Amino acid sequence: MFSTTSRVASRARQAGTQRARAVSGRAPFLALVLALLVGTGLFAPPASAAAGYTLTASGTPTTTAGVARTLTVLYQRDGAPVANAAVALQRYSNGSWVGDRTVTTGSTGKATASVKPSATTKYRFKTTQATSATLTVTVVPGSWSFAGSGAGHGVGMSQYGAYEMARTGSTASDILRYYYPGATVSTANNPWTSADVQVLGRTSDPVATTLSLSAGSWRLLDGAGAQLATGTSARKISIARTTAGLTAKITENGTVRQTIGALPALHLEWTGTDYWAGTAGTVTVSGAQGTYRHGRLRVTDLNARPNVVNQVVINDEYLYGIEEMPALWGTSAYGGAAALEAQAIVARNYAILDKVEGLKASCDCHLYDDTSSQNYTGWTREGGEAGEAWRAAVDATRQDDASTVTVVRNASGGIAETPYFASSGSGGGFSGTAGNQDAFGTAPQSHLAHVADPYSAQAPGNPNTSWTGTLTQATAKSIFGLGWVKSVAVTERYSSGQVKTMRAVAPNGATRTLTDTAEGWRTALGFQGSWVDTVTATR
């Protein structure tokens, strides 16, 4: 059975055979007429066609300014390469073809030329016998400059905004009620419960660690509480893991004093804590970002490395170690003590909610020590510059006589989610904080709605009032799924001024329009915030 294409092709071949027979009968006559025309000079056949010369050009059609592209030409006569021939490369400029350079073909009939146009340019190759087809090298931006402002996800309390409000007379309660509209500032019972904070154990962390004490004494226990070893600050504990479990070596001045076999868990306690009275010291965990004055350390085998957790009481020991706002703001010279108090309260809310959720399997902890939860450095924060101002702010949010602590409650009276960030920004005439649904794509919460935030931009020393981010051509290709990107634009913003929708156009006119959450765009673009005002192509 023949296809339609086969039947059409068959009829075409039959018609062609009939025409060939007709032409063949007239051939002697046509040859005579052609000879007469040539002889009179009225007709001259194209040299390239008569001689069988061809120039075939190829090369990458798109580039960025300043990035060279290679154009290739193949010179042939009747299908055979023409070697050692001079071929002119021409470019189209101001309405005419001008010479760019001359290249010489090799034994294969090929020659190459590297071009680096600053704008989209047409090229062709030419000899006296042939001219190639036109090659257009399209130049697209190598990157785009984004002018923006603000920092962070944008939901809840702006830290620089809180600082400015505090400087101008607002209390911690004023700040919290402003940035969490409809929420109430209230109290909750203080159960003096502890939280487990991972300080080492991410897959990017070292596969071994050393514990050392600055002063006092320490004791190492197994998971059941049996004492395995004890020592003073002169002795260090090196912990590694094997397939059988955790191992420990007790060393003094580089000499191993004791070795402890593989165990599933270890605990380190030291003097001057709730676990053991005596001289106070701080523990250093090599590879961790902080040092630890309070609590005790629990070490387990997780993610093929020692997983170290600091067990600390939430409402003082943990909060004392939170490093999320400059402690200097709480000093009289800066006048921002109320901002630090507001920070302590929202950090408490965050910790309470994570404690209620229970231990996370990924870290065997309630909280991470970085911005995956809250930045916790322990004694590094508490004992650092202006640490007493931060401690005072935390203490101001506790009512020890009444055994209560200050919290933020949502419209239902529960412990409110209290996300916070560095600084609001503006974009496209809009500004302020973000609604949680716009930033995260989660169900709207009334106390996490957008609010105007003139305070962030007014705060002295705020480094986030303007910034410039760069979107490279490679990243733009990846985001929008285009081979090359010719233009990028913000086409829609959230009420906060953060990016909602962006459009990219390819050199061939293909268009991709993408809508995402504000935080999704911040992550994709790799900027400190997603408040974007202008986008400018750069070369």
Protein backbone atom coordinates (compact mmCIF):
# COMPACT_ATOMS: atom_id res chain seq x y z
CA MET A 1 0.00 0.00 0.00
CA PHE A 2 1.48 3.34 -1.07
CA SER A 3 1.34 6.42 1.16
CA THR A 4 -0.05 9.71 -0.13
CA THR A 5 3.49 11.05 -0.29
CA SER A 6 4.56 8.07 -2.45
CA ARG A 7 1.69 8.60 -4.92
CA VAL A 8 2.48 12.32 -5.23
CA ALA A 9 6.17 11.59 -5.74
CA SER A 10 5.32 8.95 -8.41
CA ARG A 11 3.16 11.38 -10.38
CA ALA A 12 5.89 14.04 -10.12
CA ARG A 13 8.48 11.66 -11.51
CA GLN A 14 6.20 10.74 -14.45
CA ALA A 15 5.58 14.43 -15.24
CA GLY A 16 9.31 15.13 -15.00
CA THR A 17 10.07 12.30 -17.47
CA GLN A 18 7.58 13.74 -19.97
CA ARG A 19 9.09 17.24 -19.65
CA ALA A 20 12.60 15.80 -20.07
CA ARG A 21 11.59 14.12 -23.33
CA ALA A 22 10.10 17.41 -24.60
CA VAL A 23 13.22 19.39 -23.69
CA SER A 24 15.48 16.77 -25.19
CA GLY A 25 13.74 17.22 -28.55
CA ARG A 26 14.38 20.97 -28.43
CA ALA A 27 18.02 20.78 -27.13
CA PRO A 28 19.84 21.44 -30.45
CA PHE A 29 17.68 24.53 -31.06
CA LEU A 30 18.23 25.98 -27.56
CA ALA A 31 21.99 25.45 -27.77
CA LEU A 32 22.10 27.42 -31.01
CA VAL A 33 20.13 30.37 -29.52
CA LEU A 34 22.35 30.46 -26.41
CA ALA A 35 25.53 30.52 -28.50
CA LEU A 36 24.21 33.49 -30.51
CA LEU A 37 23.33 35.46 -27.30
CA VAL A 38 26.74 34.87 -25.72
CA GLY A 39 28.47 35.82 -28.89
CA THR A 40 26.65 39.18 -28.95
CA GLY A 41 27.44 39.88 -25.26
CA LEU A 42 23.76 40.04 -24.29
CA PHE A 43 24.06 37.23 -21.68
CA ALA A 44 26.87 36.02 -19.39
CA PRO A 45 26.28 33.04 -17.08
CA PRO A 46 27.17 33.59 -13.33
CA ALA A 47 30.81 32.72 -12.85
CA SER A 48 30.18 30.73 -9.63
CA ALA A 49 27.38 28.75 -11.19
CA ALA A 50 29.27 28.09 -14.40
CA ALA A 51 32.46 27.15 -12.54
CA GLY A 52 30.71 25.16 -9.78
CA TYR A 53 32.17 27.25 -6.90
CA THR A 54 30.35 27.42 -3.54
CA LEU A 55 31.00 29.14 -0.22
CA THR A 56 29.19 27.62 2.76
CA ALA A 57 29.24 29.65 6.00
CA SER A 58 28.44 28.42 9.50
CA GLY A 59 28.87 29.53 13.10
CA THR A 60 27.16 30.22 16.43
CA PRO A 61 24.36 32.73 15.74
CA THR A 62 24.18 34.24 19.24
CA THR A 63 26.71 35.68 21.66
CA THR A 64 27.18 38.34 24.30
CA ALA A 65 29.16 41.52 23.81
CA GLY A 66 32.87 40.98 24.14
CA VAL A 67 32.63 37.19 23.79
CA ALA A 68 34.22 35.93 20.58
CA ARG A 69 32.44 33.57 18.21
CA THR A 70 34.04 31.55 15.40
CA LEU A 71 32.67 31.72 11.88
CA THR A 72 33.63 28.91 9.51
CA VAL A 73 33.61 28.88 5.71
CA LEU A 74 33.89 25.86 3.39
CA TYR A 75 35.10 26.67 -0.14
CA GLN A 76 34.38 24.04 -2.83
CA ARG A 77 34.36 23.61 -6.56
CA ASP A 78 32.08 20.90 -7.86
CA GLY A 79 32.05 19.40 -4.36
CA ALA A 80 35.84 19.29 -4.02
CA PRO A 81 37.72 21.50 -1.52
CA VAL A 82 39.51 24.59 -2.78
CA ALA A 83 42.74 24.88 -0.83
CA ASN A 84 45.04 27.87 -0.26
CA ALA A 85 42.39 30.31 -1.45
CA ALA A 86 41.93 33.85 -0.10
CA VAL A 87 38.38 34.42 1.13
CA ALA A 88 37.12 37.82 2.24
CA LEU A 89 34.99 38.11 5.38
CA GLN A 90 32.60 41.04 5.05
CA ARG A 91 30.19 42.66 7.49
CA TYR A 92 27.17 44.78 6.78
CA SER A 93 27.60 48.36 8.00
CA ASN A 94 25.65 51.53 7.26
CA GLY A 95 23.77 50.01 4.34
CA SER A 96 26.65 48.32 2.54
CA TRP A 97 29.08 45.42 2.79
CA VAL A 98 32.57 46.34 4.00
CA GLY A 99 35.69 44.25 4.31
CA ASP A 100 36.48 42.85 7.73
CA ARG A 101 39.48 40.61 7.01
CA THR A 102 40.80 37.93 4.67
CA VAL A 103 41.22 34.28 5.59
CA THR A 104 42.99 31.49 3.74
CA THR A 105 41.50 28.04 3.27
CA GLY A 106 43.37 24.93 4.32
CA SER A 107 43.67 21.57 2.63
CA THR A 108 40.06 20.75 3.49
CA GLY A 109 38.82 23.96 1.93
CA LYS A 110 37.92 25.38 5.31
CA ALA A 111 38.90 28.63 7.01
CA THR A 112 37.79 30.26 10.24
CA ALA A 113 37.48 33.79 11.56
CA SER A 114 36.92 34.89 15.15
CA VAL A 115 34.49 37.79 15.51
CA LYS A 116 33.60 39.82 18.57
CA PRO A 117 30.75 42.16 17.64
CA SER A 118 29.49 44.72 20.15
CA ALA A 119 26.03 44.68 18.56
CA THR A 120 24.06 42.34 16.32
CA THR A 121 25.95 42.13 13.01
CA LYS A 122 25.53 40.45 9.60
CA TYR A 123 28.51 38.67 8.04
CA ARG A 124 29.25 36.89 4.77
CA PHE A 125 32.21 35.32 2.97
CA LYS A 126 33.08 36.27 -0.61
CA THR A 127 35.49 35.46 -3.46
CA THR A 128 35.39 36.51 -7.10
CA GLN A 129 33.71 33.18 -7.86
CA ALA A 130 31.12 32.86 -5.06
CA THR A 131 29.32 34.54 -2.17
CA SER A 132 28.07 32.76 0.93
CA ALA A 133 24.69 33.17 2.51
CA THR A 134 24.44 35.86 5.20
CA LEU A 135 25.23 34.89 8.80
CA THR A 136 23.65 37.06 11.50
CA VAL A 137 25.43 37.04 14.86
CA THR A 138 22.93 38.27 17.42
CA VAL A 139 24.39 40.00 20.47
CA VAL A 140 22.36 39.68 23.69
CA PRO A 141 23.12 41.18 27.11
CA GLY A 142 25.72 39.38 29.15
CA SER A 143 23.85 40.35 32.30
CA TRP A 144 21.20 42.62 33.78
CA SER A 145 21.62 45.04 36.66
CA PHE A 146 18.78 45.02 39.20
CA ALA A 147 18.42 48.13 41.36
CA GLY A 148 16.74 47.14 44.59
CA SER A 149 16.44 47.74 48.30
CA GLY A 150 15.53 45.85 51.47
CA ALA A 151 16.82 42.54 52.78
CA GLY A 152 15.17 39.27 53.76
CA HIS A 153 11.83 37.65 53.07
CA GLY A 154 9.79 40.67 54.14
CA VAL A 155 7.24 39.04 56.47
CA GLY A 156 6.55 40.30 59.99
CA MET A 157 8.91 42.58 61.90
CA SER A 158 11.55 44.59 60.09
CA GLN A 159 14.56 44.76 62.40
CA TYR A 160 15.79 48.11 61.10
CA GLY A 161 12.24 49.39 61.19
CA ALA A 162 11.92 48.25 64.81
CA TYR A 163 15.16 50.04 65.63
CA GLU A 164 13.89 53.30 64.15
CA MET A 165 10.57 52.99 65.98
CA ALA A 166 12.43 52.38 69.26
CA ARG A 167 14.68 55.40 68.68
CA THR A 168 11.64 57.60 68.20
CA GLY A 169 9.85 56.51 71.36
CA SER A 170 7.91 53.34 70.57
CA THR A 171 7.81 50.53 73.13
CA ALA A 172 8.38 46.86 72.35
CA SER A 173 4.61 46.33 72.44
CA ASP A 174 4.07 49.24 70.01
CA ILE A 175 6.58 47.72 67.59
CA LEU A 176 5.07 44.26 67.76
CA ARG A 177 1.48 45.46 67.34
CA TYR A 178 2.54 47.50 64.31
CA TYR A 179 4.41 44.78 62.43
CA TYR A 180 1.97 42.01 63.41
CA PRO A 181 -1.38 43.78 62.85
CA GLY A 182 -4.21 42.37 64.91
CA ALA A 183 -1.90 40.36 67.18
CA THR A 184 -1.78 40.99 70.91
CA VAL A 185 1.20 41.24 73.23
CA SER A 186 0.46 39.05 76.22
CA THR A 187 2.07 36.62 78.65
CA ALA A 188 2.40 32.86 78.97
CA ASN A 189 3.46 30.58 81.80
CA ASN A 190 7.18 29.97 81.97
CA PRO A 191 7.70 26.20 82.26
CA TRP A 192 11.52 26.57 82.28
CA THR A 193 11.63 23.97 79.55
CA SER A 194 14.73 23.35 77.46
CA ALA A 195 15.27 23.09 73.73
CA ASP A 196 17.83 21.08 71.77
CA VAL A 197 19.84 23.30 69.41
CA GLN A 198 22.05 21.70 66.79
CA VAL A 199 25.46 23.39 66.80
CA LEU A 200 27.32 20.86 64.63
CA GLY A 201 26.24 18.03 62.36
CA ARG A 202 25.21 19.40 58.97
CA THR A 203 26.48 17.38 56.02
CA SER A 204 28.81 20.30 55.28
CA ASP A 205 30.30 20.14 58.79
CA PRO A 206 33.51 18.27 59.77
CA VAL A 207 33.35 14.50 60.30
CA ALA A 208 35.14 14.84 63.65
CA THR A 209 35.24 17.45 66.39
CA THR A 210 37.11 18.38 69.55
CA LEU A 211 35.47 19.63 72.74
CA SER A 212 37.47 21.85 75.06
CA LEU A 213 36.63 23.78 78.23
CA SER A 214 37.98 27.24 79.12
CA ALA A 215 37.85 26.74 82.93
CA GLY A 216 36.47 24.40 85.57
CA SER A 217 35.84 20.67 85.15
CA TRP A 218 33.95 18.45 82.74
CA ARG A 219 32.56 14.93 82.74
CA LEU A 220 31.69 12.69 79.84
CA LEU A 221 28.65 10.39 80.19
CA ASP A 222 27.11 7.69 78.05
CA GLY A 223 23.50 7.81 76.88
CA ALA A 224 22.29 6.18 80.09
CA GLY A 225 24.08 8.74 82.28
CA ALA A 226 27.01 6.55 83.39
CA GLN A 227 30.26 8.49 83.76
CA LEU A 228 32.93 7.52 81.22
CA ALA A 229 35.64 10.12 81.88
CA THR A 230 36.28 13.35 83.74
CA GLY A 231 38.84 16.11 83.45
CA THR A 232 39.68 19.78 83.70
CA SER A 233 40.30 22.45 81.09
CA ALA A 234 43.76 20.93 80.54
CA ARG A 235 42.21 17.92 78.83
CA LYS A 236 40.38 17.86 75.50
CA ILE A 237 37.92 15.36 74.07
CA SER A 238 38.25 14.37 70.43
CA ILE A 239 35.12 12.73 69.03
CA ALA A 240 34.82 10.82 65.77
CA ARG A 241 32.41 8.23 64.44
CA THR A 242 32.77 4.79 62.97
CA THR A 243 30.19 2.43 61.53
CA ALA A 244 29.89 1.02 65.06
CA GLY A 245 29.20 4.39 66.69
CA LEU A 246 30.97 7.31 68.36
CA THR A 247 34.51 7.10 69.72
CA ALA A 248 36.30 9.52 72.05
CA LYS A 249 39.95 10.19 72.87
CA ILE A 250 40.91 12.17 75.94
CA THR A 251 44.14 14.06 75.34
CA GLU A 252 46.38 16.30 77.43
CA ASN A 253 49.24 18.26 75.84
CA GLY A 254 48.88 16.08 72.76
CA THR A 255 49.12 12.79 74.67
CA VAL A 256 46.20 10.36 74.65
CA ARG A 257 45.16 9.67 78.24
CA GLN A 258 42.04 7.60 77.61
CA THR A 259 40.17 6.01 74.72
CA ILE A 260 36.45 5.27 74.75
CA GLY A 261 34.97 2.68 72.42
CA ALA A 262 32.06 3.03 70.03
CA LEU A 263 28.83 4.20 71.66
CA PRO A 264 25.50 5.44 70.23
CA ALA A 265 25.47 8.65 72.30
CA LEU A 266 27.63 10.81 74.58
CA HIS A 267 26.85 13.69 76.95
CA LEU A 268 29.22 16.41 78.09
CA GLU A 269 28.48 18.32 81.28
CA TRP A 270 30.66 21.00 82.88
CA THR A 271 30.79 23.08 86.05
CA GLY A 272 28.94 26.34 86.45
CA THR A 273 25.75 25.07 84.79
CA ASP A 274 22.37 23.83 85.97
CA TYR A 275 23.76 20.31 85.58
CA TRP A 276 26.84 20.76 87.77
CA ALA A 277 27.72 23.52 90.24
CA GLY A 278 31.23 24.94 90.41
CA THR A 279 33.61 27.13 88.46
CA ALA A 280 31.98 28.46 85.30
CA GLY A 281 33.60 27.74 81.95
CA THR A 282 32.71 27.86 78.29
CA VAL A 283 32.90 24.93 75.88
CA THR A 284 34.29 25.24 72.38
CA VAL A 285 33.16 22.76 69.74
CA SER A 286 35.60 22.78 66.83
CA GLY A 287 33.74 23.47 63.60
CA ALA A 288 30.79 25.17 65.35
CA GLN A 289 30.08 28.89 65.03
CA GLY A 290 29.64 29.60 68.73
CA THR A 291 30.89 28.82 72.24
CA TYR A 292 28.64 27.55 75.01
CA ARG A 293 28.40 28.68 78.62
CA HIS A 294 25.03 27.13 79.47
CA GLY A 295 23.32 23.75 79.19
CA ARG A 296 25.00 20.52 78.23
CA LEU A 297 26.03 18.88 74.97
CA ARG A 298 24.41 15.75 73.59
CA VAL A 299 26.37 13.99 70.84
CA THR A 300 24.85 11.35 68.56
CA ASP A 301 25.81 9.66 65.31
CA LEU A 302 23.87 11.28 62.47
CA ASN A 303 24.66 12.07 58.83
CA ALA A 304 27.93 10.08 59.10
CA ARG A 305 29.41 12.57 61.58
CA PRO A 306 29.08 13.59 65.22
CA ASN A 307 25.81 15.46 65.68
CA VAL A 308 26.27 17.94 68.55
CA VAL A 309 23.23 19.48 70.25
CA ASN A 310 23.25 22.11 73.01
CA GLN A 311 20.43 21.51 75.48
CA VAL A 312 19.51 24.91 76.96
CA VAL A 313 16.54 26.46 78.78
CA ILE A 314 14.51 28.43 76.24
CA ASN A 315 13.56 31.57 78.15
CA ASP A 316 16.99 32.61 79.29
CA GLU A 317 19.91 30.36 78.27
CA TYR A 318 18.77 29.96 74.67
CA LEU A 319 17.59 33.53 74.18
CA TYR A 320 20.81 34.91 75.68
CA GLY A 321 22.66 33.22 72.80
CA ILE A 322 20.47 34.55 69.94
CA GLU A 323 22.48 36.80 67.64
CA GLU A 324 19.90 38.32 65.32
CA MET A 325 20.06 42.05 66.11
CA PRO A 326 23.05 44.27 67.03
CA ALA A 327 23.34 44.34 70.82
CA LEU A 328 24.74 47.87 70.59
CA TRP A 329 21.28 49.09 69.62
CA GLY A 330 20.26 48.51 73.23
CA THR A 331 22.85 50.89 74.68
CA SER A 332 22.04 54.47 75.61
CA ALA A 333 24.15 55.79 72.74
CA TYR A 334 21.89 54.08 70.21
CA GLY A 335 18.55 54.30 72.02
CA GLY A 336 17.07 51.10 70.64
CA ALA A 337 16.49 49.00 73.78
CA ALA A 338 12.81 48.52 72.88
CA ALA A 339 13.82 46.99 69.55
CA LEU A 340 15.97 44.42 71.36
CA GLU A 341 13.07 43.58 73.65
CA ALA A 342 10.79 43.08 70.64
CA GLN A 343 13.46 40.84 69.10
CA ALA A 344 13.67 38.74 72.27
CA ILE A 345 9.90 38.26 72.29
CA VAL A 346 9.60 37.16 68.66
CA ALA A 347 12.63 34.87 69.06
CA ARG A 348 10.86 33.28 72.07
CA ASN A 349 7.69 32.73 70.02
CA TYR A 350 9.76 31.06 67.31
CA ALA A 351 11.47 28.73 69.81
CA ILE A 352 8.24 27.79 71.58
CA LEU A 353 6.57 26.75 68.33
CA ASP A 354 9.56 24.66 67.26
CA LYS A 355 9.72 23.02 70.69
CA VAL A 356 6.02 22.10 70.46
CA GLU A 357 6.58 20.53 67.02
CA GLY A 358 9.12 18.12 68.54
CA LEU A 359 12.54 16.90 67.46
CA LYS A 360 13.40 17.15 63.77
CA ALA A 361 14.67 13.86 62.34
CA SER A 362 17.17 15.69 60.11
CA CYS A 363 19.12 17.08 63.09
CA ASP A 364 17.74 15.29 66.17
CA CYS A 365 17.04 18.81 67.40
CA HIS A 366 14.27 21.36 67.88
CA LEU A 367 16.22 24.25 66.39
CA TYR A 368 19.17 24.79 64.07
CA ASP A 369 21.81 27.32 65.11
CA ASP A 370 21.63 29.30 61.87
CA THR A 371 19.04 31.12 59.78
CA SER A 372 17.31 27.83 59.01
CA SER A 373 15.86 28.58 62.46
CA GLN A 374 17.51 31.45 64.35
CA ASN A 375 21.14 32.47 64.53
CA TYR A 376 22.42 31.07 67.84
CA THR A 377 26.03 31.53 68.96
CA GLY A 378 25.64 30.98 72.70
CA TRP A 379 28.29 32.64 74.85
CA THR A 380 29.85 34.28 71.79
CA ARG A 381 26.77 36.50 71.73
CA GLU A 382 26.07 36.73 75.46
CA GLY A 383 29.65 37.48 76.44
CA GLY A 384 30.43 39.60 73.38
CA GLU A 385 30.27 43.34 72.72
CA ALA A 386 27.29 44.92 74.51
CA GLY A 387 26.20 41.46 75.61
CA GLU A 388 24.84 42.94 78.83
CA ALA A 389 22.42 45.11 76.80
CA TRP A 390 21.07 42.02 75.07
CA ARG A 391 20.74 40.12 78.35
CA ALA A 392 18.85 43.08 79.81
CA ALA A 393 16.46 43.04 76.86
CA VAL A 394 15.77 39.32 77.34
CA ASP A 395 15.30 39.77 81.07
CA ALA A 396 12.85 42.62 80.48
CA THR A 397 10.56 40.15 78.71
CA ARG A 398 10.44 37.77 81.69
CA GLN A 399 8.35 38.18 84.80
CA ASP A 400 10.17 35.84 87.16
CA ASP A 401 8.06 36.74 90.20
CA ALA A 402 4.93 35.75 88.29
CA SER A 403 6.64 32.86 86.46
CA THR A 404 5.49 34.30 83.13
CA VAL A 405 7.10 35.50 79.92
CA THR A 406 6.01 37.98 77.25
CA VAL A 407 4.71 36.49 73.99
CA VAL A 408 2.79 37.52 70.89
CA ARG A 409 -0.63 35.91 70.43
CA ASN A 410 -2.53 35.57 67.17
CA ALA A 411 -6.20 36.32 66.53
CA SER A 412 -7.16 32.92 67.97
CA GLY A 413 -5.19 33.50 71.17
CA GLY A 414 -2.46 30.99 70.32
CA ILE A 415 1.27 31.55 70.20
CA ALA A 416 1.70 33.50 66.96
CA GLU A 417 4.14 32.73 64.19
CA THR A 418 6.50 35.70 64.30
CA PRO A 419 8.85 35.70 61.32
CA TYR A 420 11.18 38.68 61.10
CA PHE A 421 13.74 40.02 58.64
CA ALA A 422 16.32 42.78 58.24
CA SER A 423 14.71 45.61 56.28
CA SER A 424 11.77 46.45 54.04
CA GLY A 425 12.42 47.92 50.60
CA SER A 426 10.50 49.39 47.68
CA GLY A 427 9.92 48.65 44.01
CA GLY A 428 7.81 50.15 41.24
CA GLY A 429 6.21 52.70 43.54
CA PHE A 430 5.21 50.10 46.15
CA SER A 431 6.91 49.40 49.48
CA GLY A 432 6.55 47.84 52.91
CA THR A 433 6.37 44.38 54.42
CA ALA A 434 4.96 41.32 52.65
CA GLY A 435 1.89 39.27 53.34
CA ASN A 436 2.94 35.72 54.19
CA GLN A 437 0.92 34.37 51.25
CA ASP A 438 2.88 36.61 48.85
CA ALA A 439 6.29 35.77 50.30
CA PHE A 440 5.85 32.08 51.08
CA GLY A 441 2.72 30.95 49.25
CA THR A 442 1.13 29.84 52.54
CA ALA A 443 -2.43 30.40 53.71
CA PRO A 444 -2.90 34.06 54.71
CA GLN A 445 -2.58 34.90 58.40
CA SER A 446 -4.16 38.18 59.44
CA HIS A 447 -1.27 39.22 61.69
CA LEU A 448 1.22 38.61 58.85
CA ALA A 449 -0.42 41.03 56.42
CA HIS A 450 1.35 43.72 54.41
CA VAL A 451 1.95 46.99 56.25
CA ALA A 452 3.61 50.20 55.15
CA ASP A 453 7.12 50.53 56.53
CA PRO A 454 8.66 53.99 56.28
CA TYR A 455 10.78 53.21 59.34
CA SER A 456 13.23 50.84 57.66
CA ALA A 457 14.47 53.48 55.23
CA GLN A 458 14.70 56.07 58.05
CA ALA A 459 16.82 53.90 60.36
CA PRO A 460 20.37 55.28 60.69
CA GLY A 461 23.10 53.01 59.40
CA ASN A 462 20.73 50.78 57.40
CA PRO A 463 22.91 49.36 54.60
CA ASN A 464 19.89 47.94 52.76
CA THR A 465 18.29 51.17 51.53
CA SER A 466 19.73 50.47 48.09
CA TRP A 467 21.69 47.71 46.45
CA THR A 468 22.51 46.40 43.00
CA GLY A 469 22.19 42.75 42.02
CA THR A 470 23.40 41.09 38.83
CA LEU A 471 21.49 38.50 36.84
CA THR A 472 23.85 36.73 34.46
CA GLN A 473 22.86 35.41 31.05
CA ALA A 474 23.53 31.87 32.29
CA THR A 475 21.21 32.29 35.27
CA ALA A 476 18.54 33.92 33.12
CA LYS A 477 18.67 30.95 30.71
CA SER A 478 18.24 28.57 33.62
CA ILE A 479 15.36 30.45 35.24
CA PHE A 480 13.34 31.01 32.09
CA GLY A 481 14.27 27.85 30.16
CA LEU A 482 15.39 29.73 27.06
CA GLY A 483 18.45 29.05 24.91
CA TRP A 484 19.36 32.74 25.00
CA VAL A 485 17.66 35.68 26.68
CA LYS A 486 17.42 39.03 24.91
CA SER A 487 15.44 41.00 27.48
CA VAL A 488 14.18 40.69 31.06
CA ALA A 489 11.52 42.80 32.75
CA VAL A 490 9.47 42.87 35.96
CA THR A 491 5.84 42.96 34.83
CA GLU A 492 4.00 42.67 38.14
CA ARG A 493 4.80 43.33 41.80
CA TYR A 494 3.20 42.46 45.12
CA SER A 495 1.76 45.21 47.31
CA SER A 496 5.11 45.34 49.11
CA GLY A 497 6.98 46.17 45.90
CA GLN A 498 8.55 42.72 45.73
CA VAL A 499 8.75 40.88 42.42
CA LYS A 500 5.72 38.80 41.49
CA THR A 501 5.98 38.24 37.72
CA MET A 502 8.86 38.53 35.29
CA ARG A 503 9.01 38.18 31.51
CA ALA A 504 11.97 37.13 29.39
CA VAL A 505 12.19 37.30 25.59
CA ALA A 506 14.55 35.27 23.40
CA PRO A 507 16.24 36.59 20.22
CA ASN A 508 13.74 34.61 18.11
CA GLY A 509 10.81 36.25 19.90
CA ALA A 510 9.96 33.32 22.16
CA THR A 511 8.56 34.65 25.46
CA ARG A 512 8.48 33.14 28.95
CA THR A 513 6.40 34.77 31.68
CA LEU A 514 6.87 33.38 35.20
CA THR A 515 5.06 34.14 38.45
CA ASP A 516 6.48 33.09 41.81
CA THR A 517 6.41 33.99 45.48
CA ALA A 518 8.55 36.92 46.59
CA GLU A 519 10.84 34.54 48.46
CA GLY A 520 10.97 32.23 45.45
CA TRP A 521 12.26 35.11 43.33
CA ARG A 522 14.79 36.14 45.98
CA THR A 523 16.20 32.62 46.00
CA ALA A 524 16.16 32.21 42.22
CA LEU A 525 17.83 35.56 41.57
CA GLY A 526 20.28 35.17 44.44
CA PHE A 527 19.69 38.69 45.78
CA GLN A 528 19.45 39.84 49.39
CA GLY A 529 15.84 40.84 48.84
CA SER A 530 13.19 40.81 46.11
CA TRP A 531 12.22 44.50 46.22
CA VAL A 532 13.32 45.45 42.68
CA ASP A 533 12.80 48.90 41.20
CA THR A 534 14.55 48.84 37.81
CA VAL A 535 16.20 46.30 35.50
CA THR A 536 18.90 47.45 33.09
CA ALA A 537 20.70 45.37 30.46
CA THR A 538 24.49 45.45 30.72
CA ARG A 539 27.07 44.41 28.16
